[in-house]
Amino acid sequence: MKYLLQGSLQASGEKLRITAQLIDVTTGGYIWSQRFDRQAEDIFVPIPMKPPLCSEMIAPPVSGMISPPV
């Protein structure tokens, strides 16, 4: 296993805080981390993330590990 997706959920009344981290298992370093604050009624509503943002977060750390290089 090379990467670990770790997260937590905290609730206070109707407020929720969702935290997620992508961790490189070999180094223990964080590749990406983000916190989302939501209302409990919106828990199953998708969190909007623009595709370029996703690729900026994930592609650079992972791109050097693709063999053969693309």
N, C-alpha and C. Protein backbone atom coordinates (compact mmCIF):
# COMPACT_ATOMS: atom_id res chain seq x y z
N MET A 1 0.85 -1.17 0.00
CA MET A 1 0.00 0.00 0.00
C MET A 1 0.90 1.23 0.00
N LYS A 2 0.62 2.16 -0.91
CA LYS A 2 1.43 3.37 -1.05
C LYS A 2 0.77 4.58 -0.41
N TYR A 3 -0.58 4.66 -0.48
CA TYR A 3 -1.30 5.81 0.03
C TYR A 3 -2.39 5.39 1.01
N LEU A 4 -2.67 6.26 1.95
CA LEU A 4 -3.72 6.03 2.93
C LEU A 4 -4.62 7.26 2.95
N LEU A 5 -5.92 7.05 2.82
CA LEU A 5 -6.89 8.13 2.96
C LEU A 5 -7.46 8.03 4.35
N GLN A 6 -7.25 9.05 5.15
CA GLN A 6 -7.67 9.06 6.55
C GLN A 6 -8.65 10.21 6.74
N GLY A 7 -9.61 10.03 7.60
CA GLY A 7 -10.56 11.11 7.82
C GLY A 7 -11.23 11.02 9.17
N SER A 8 -11.95 12.08 9.49
CA SER A 8 -12.69 12.11 10.75
C SER A 8 -13.96 12.92 10.55
N LEU A 9 -14.91 12.69 11.43
CA LEU A 9 -16.18 13.40 11.42
C LEU A 9 -16.46 13.85 12.84
N GLN A 10 -16.69 15.15 13.01
CA GLN A 10 -17.05 15.70 14.31
C GLN A 10 -18.42 16.34 14.18
N ALA A 11 -19.26 16.13 15.19
CA ALA A 11 -20.61 16.69 15.17
C ALA A 11 -20.84 17.52 16.43
N SER A 12 -21.54 18.64 16.23
CA SER A 12 -21.95 19.49 17.34
C SER A 12 -23.33 20.04 16.97
N GLY A 13 -24.35 19.43 17.55
CA GLY A 13 -25.71 19.82 17.18
C GLY A 13 -25.96 19.47 15.73
N GLU A 14 -26.34 20.45 14.95
CA GLU A 14 -26.60 20.24 13.52
C GLU A 14 -25.39 20.54 12.64
N LYS A 15 -24.27 20.89 13.26
CA LYS A 15 -23.06 21.21 12.50
C LYS A 15 -22.13 20.01 12.44
N LEU A 16 -21.54 19.81 11.26
CA LEU A 16 -20.59 18.72 11.06
C LEU A 16 -19.28 19.28 10.53
N ARG A 17 -18.19 18.69 10.95
CA ARG A 17 -16.88 19.00 10.39
C ARG A 17 -16.28 17.68 9.90
N ILE A 18 -15.99 17.64 8.60
CA ILE A 18 -15.40 16.47 7.97
C ILE A 18 -13.97 16.84 7.60
N THR A 19 -13.02 16.02 8.02
CA THR A 19 -11.62 16.26 7.73
C THR A 19 -11.07 15.04 6.99
N ALA A 20 -10.30 15.28 5.93
CA ALA A 20 -9.70 14.18 5.16
C ALA A 20 -8.25 14.50 4.88
N GLN A 21 -7.41 13.46 4.91
CA GLN A 21 -5.99 13.60 4.60
C GLN A 21 -5.58 12.44 3.70
N LEU A 22 -4.75 12.73 2.71
CA LEU A 22 -4.13 11.71 1.88
C LEU A 22 -2.67 11.64 2.31
N ILE A 23 -2.25 10.45 2.74
CA ILE A 23 -0.92 10.27 3.33
C ILE A 23 -0.09 9.32 2.49
N ASP A 24 1.17 9.68 2.26
CA ASP A 24 2.14 8.79 1.62
C ASP A 24 2.63 7.84 2.70
N VAL A 25 2.30 6.57 2.58
CA VAL A 25 2.62 5.60 3.63
C VAL A 25 4.12 5.42 3.81
N THR A 26 4.88 5.50 2.72
CA THR A 26 6.32 5.24 2.84
C THR A 26 7.05 6.34 3.60
N THR A 27 6.60 7.58 3.48
CA THR A 27 7.27 8.69 4.17
C THR A 27 6.50 9.19 5.38
N GLY A 28 5.20 8.88 5.42
CA GLY A 28 4.36 9.41 6.50
C GLY A 28 3.94 10.86 6.25
N GLY A 29 4.33 11.40 5.11
CA GLY A 29 4.02 12.79 4.81
C GLY A 29 2.61 12.97 4.26
N TYR A 30 2.06 14.14 4.53
CA TYR A 30 0.73 14.48 4.02
C TYR A 30 0.85 15.01 2.60
N ILE A 31 0.10 14.43 1.69
CA ILE A 31 0.05 14.90 0.31
C ILE A 31 -1.04 15.95 0.16
N TRP A 32 -2.14 15.73 0.85
CA TRP A 32 -3.29 16.63 0.75
C TRP A 32 -4.10 16.53 2.04
N SER A 33 -4.68 17.64 2.43
CA SER A 33 -5.55 17.67 3.60
C SER A 33 -6.59 18.76 3.38
N GLN A 34 -7.82 18.47 3.77
CA GLN A 34 -8.86 19.48 3.63
C GLN A 34 -9.94 19.27 4.68
N ARG A 35 -10.55 20.39 5.09
CA ARG A 35 -11.63 20.37 6.08
C ARG A 35 -12.88 20.91 5.42
N PHE A 36 -14.01 20.26 5.68
CA PHE A 36 -15.30 20.68 5.15
C PHE A 36 -16.26 20.87 6.31
N ASP A 37 -16.88 22.03 6.41
CA ASP A 37 -17.90 22.30 7.43
C ASP A 37 -19.26 22.26 6.75
N ARG A 38 -20.17 21.45 7.29
CA ARG A 38 -21.48 21.24 6.68
C ARG A 38 -22.57 21.24 7.75
N GLN A 39 -23.80 21.38 7.30
CA GLN A 39 -24.96 21.18 8.16
C GLN A 39 -25.33 19.69 8.07
N ALA A 40 -25.83 19.12 9.16
CA ALA A 40 -26.16 17.70 9.20
C ALA A 40 -27.16 17.33 8.10
N GLU A 41 -28.08 18.20 7.78
CA GLU A 41 -29.07 17.89 6.74
C GLU A 41 -28.44 17.76 5.36
N ASP A 42 -27.23 18.28 5.18
CA ASP A 42 -26.54 18.24 3.89
C ASP A 42 -25.48 17.16 3.80
N ILE A 43 -25.46 16.22 4.74
CA ILE A 43 -24.37 15.25 4.80
C ILE A 43 -24.24 14.41 3.54
N PHE A 44 -25.33 14.11 2.85
CA PHE A 44 -25.26 13.27 1.66
C PHE A 44 -25.25 14.08 0.37
N VAL A 45 -25.20 15.40 0.46
CA VAL A 45 -25.07 16.25 -0.72
C VAL A 45 -23.60 16.27 -1.10
N PRO A 46 -23.28 15.96 -2.36
CA PRO A 46 -21.86 15.93 -2.77
C PRO A 46 -21.16 17.27 -2.51
N ILE A 47 -19.92 17.17 -2.09
CA ILE A 47 -19.11 18.36 -1.87
C ILE A 47 -18.52 18.76 -3.21
N PRO A 48 -18.82 19.99 -3.67
CA PRO A 48 -18.32 20.37 -4.99
C PRO A 48 -16.81 20.59 -4.98
N MET A 49 -16.14 19.90 -5.90
CA MET A 49 -14.70 20.09 -6.10
C MET A 49 -14.47 20.16 -7.59
N LYS A 50 -13.82 21.18 -8.04
CA LYS A 50 -13.56 21.34 -9.46
C LYS A 50 -12.50 20.34 -9.89
N PRO A 51 -12.70 19.68 -11.03
CA PRO A 51 -11.70 18.70 -11.50
C PRO A 51 -10.27 19.23 -11.55
N PRO A 52 -10.03 20.47 -12.01
CA PRO A 52 -8.63 20.93 -12.00
C PRO A 52 -8.03 20.96 -10.60
N LEU A 53 -8.85 21.30 -9.60
CA LEU A 53 -8.35 21.32 -8.23
C LEU A 53 -7.96 19.91 -7.80
N CYS A 54 -8.80 18.93 -8.11
CA CYS A 54 -8.48 17.55 -7.75
C CYS A 54 -7.19 17.10 -8.40
N SER A 55 -7.02 17.40 -9.69
CA SER A 55 -5.81 16.96 -10.37
C SER A 55 -4.57 17.69 -9.86
N GLU A 56 -4.72 18.95 -9.45
CA GLU A 56 -3.59 19.68 -8.88
C GLU A 56 -3.16 19.08 -7.56
N MET A 57 -4.11 18.54 -6.79
CA MET A 57 -3.79 17.97 -5.49
C MET A 57 -3.14 16.61 -5.60
N ILE A 58 -3.65 15.77 -6.51
CA ILE A 58 -3.24 14.38 -6.56
C ILE A 58 -2.17 14.13 -7.62
N ALA A 59 -2.30 14.70 -8.81
CA ALA A 59 -1.42 14.36 -9.93
C ALA A 59 0.06 14.63 -9.67
N PRO A 60 0.45 15.81 -9.19
CA PRO A 60 1.90 16.03 -9.03
C PRO A 60 2.61 15.03 -8.13
N PRO A 61 2.07 14.70 -6.94
CA PRO A 61 2.79 13.74 -6.11
C PRO A 61 2.83 12.34 -6.69
N VAL A 62 1.79 11.96 -7.44
CA VAL A 62 1.68 10.59 -7.93
C VAL A 62 2.31 10.43 -9.30
N SER A 63 2.40 11.49 -10.09
CA SER A 63 2.82 11.39 -11.49
C SER A 63 4.22 10.79 -11.64
N GLY A 64 5.12 11.05 -10.75
CA GLY A 64 6.47 10.53 -10.85
C GLY A 64 6.56 9.05 -10.52
N MET A 65 5.48 8.46 -10.06
CA MET A 65 5.49 7.06 -9.66
C MET A 65 4.89 6.14 -10.72
N ILE A 66 4.45 6.71 -11.85
CA ILE A 66 3.87 5.92 -12.92
C ILE A 66 5.01 5.36 -13.77
N SER A 67 4.96 4.08 -14.01
CA SER A 67 6.00 3.45 -14.81
C SER A 67 5.36 2.68 -15.95
N PRO A 68 5.75 2.90 -17.18
CA PRO A 68 6.68 3.94 -17.65
C PRO A 68 6.04 5.31 -17.56
N PRO A 69 6.86 6.36 -17.54
CA PRO A 69 6.32 7.72 -17.44
C PRO A 69 5.36 8.02 -18.58
N VAL A 70 4.32 8.79 -18.27
CA VAL A 70 3.36 9.19 -19.30
C VAL A 70 3.55 10.63 -19.67
